[in-house]
Amino acid sequence: MTREGRATEVTRLRGLAQGSALHLVDQAIAKGRPPMESPSYATRKAFEAESRILAA
C-alpha cells in the first residue's frame, strides 16, 4: 500500500484530517512499522458488534 493509501485508511478508521493522517504515516514509516492495520471481520454483523462495544 502506498503512503497516501495508508493515510486514507487512517483517515477512514480514525476520523483524522488527511494532513494529520499523512503525518502519522510518515512517523510510522520513520520508525519502520505500519501506522495501523485495518481490522478485518468475517461478517458485517461482527463489525457492527465490535463497533457497539467500542462505542459503549
Protein backbone atom coordinates (compact mmCIF):
# COMPACT_ATOMS: atom_id res chain seq x y z
CA MET A 1 0.00 0.00 0.00
CA THR A 2 1.24 3.49 -0.77
CA ARG A 3 1.84 6.26 1.73
CA GLU A 4 -1.29 8.04 0.50
CA GLY A 5 -3.28 4.81 0.68
CA ARG A 6 -2.23 4.29 4.28
CA ALA A 7 -3.17 7.90 5.08
CA THR A 8 -6.60 7.38 3.52
CA GLU A 9 -7.06 4.26 5.66
CA VAL A 10 -6.03 6.16 8.80
CA THR A 11 -8.44 8.96 7.87
CA ARG A 12 -11.28 6.48 7.44
CA LEU A 13 -10.59 4.49 10.60
CA ARG A 14 -9.62 7.28 13.00
CA GLY A 15 -11.51 10.21 11.50
CA LEU A 16 -8.38 12.34 11.21
CA ALA A 17 -7.81 15.07 8.65
CA GLN A 18 -5.72 13.96 5.66
CA GLY A 19 -2.77 16.14 6.72
CA SER A 20 -2.75 14.66 10.21
CA ALA A 21 -3.04 11.17 8.80
CA LEU A 22 -0.09 11.77 6.46
CA HIS A 23 1.98 12.99 9.40
CA LEU A 24 1.09 9.86 11.38
CA VAL A 25 2.00 7.66 8.41
CA ASP A 26 5.32 9.49 7.97
CA GLN A 27 6.16 8.94 11.64
CA ALA A 28 5.33 5.26 11.36
CA ILE A 29 7.48 4.90 8.23
CA ALA A 30 10.38 6.56 10.04
CA LYS A 31 10.01 4.01 12.85
CA GLY A 32 9.77 1.13 10.35
CA ARG A 33 6.27 -0.01 11.18
CA PRO A 34 2.82 0.47 9.65
CA PRO A 35 0.72 3.15 11.39
CA MET A 36 -2.19 0.80 11.92
CA GLU A 37 -3.79 -2.14 10.30
CA SER A 38 -7.44 -2.05 9.46
CA PRO A 39 -9.36 -4.69 11.33
CA SER A 40 -10.80 -7.46 9.22
CA TYR A 41 -14.11 -9.00 10.09
CA ALA A 42 -15.66 -12.19 8.78
CA THR A 43 -19.07 -10.55 8.55
CA ARG A 44 -20.71 -7.16 8.65
CA LYS A 45 -22.51 -8.30 11.81
CA ALA A 46 -19.15 -8.89 13.56
CA PHE A 47 -18.03 -5.38 12.60
CA GLU A 48 -21.25 -3.87 13.92
CA ALA A 49 -20.97 -5.83 17.17
CA GLU A 50 -17.43 -4.61 17.80
CA SER A 51 -18.41 -1.04 16.90
CA ARG A 52 -21.18 -1.15 19.53
CA ILE A 53 -18.76 -2.50 22.13
CA LEU A 54 -16.21 0.23 21.42
CA ALA A 55 -18.86 2.95 21.48
CA ALA A 56 -20.04 1.96 24.96
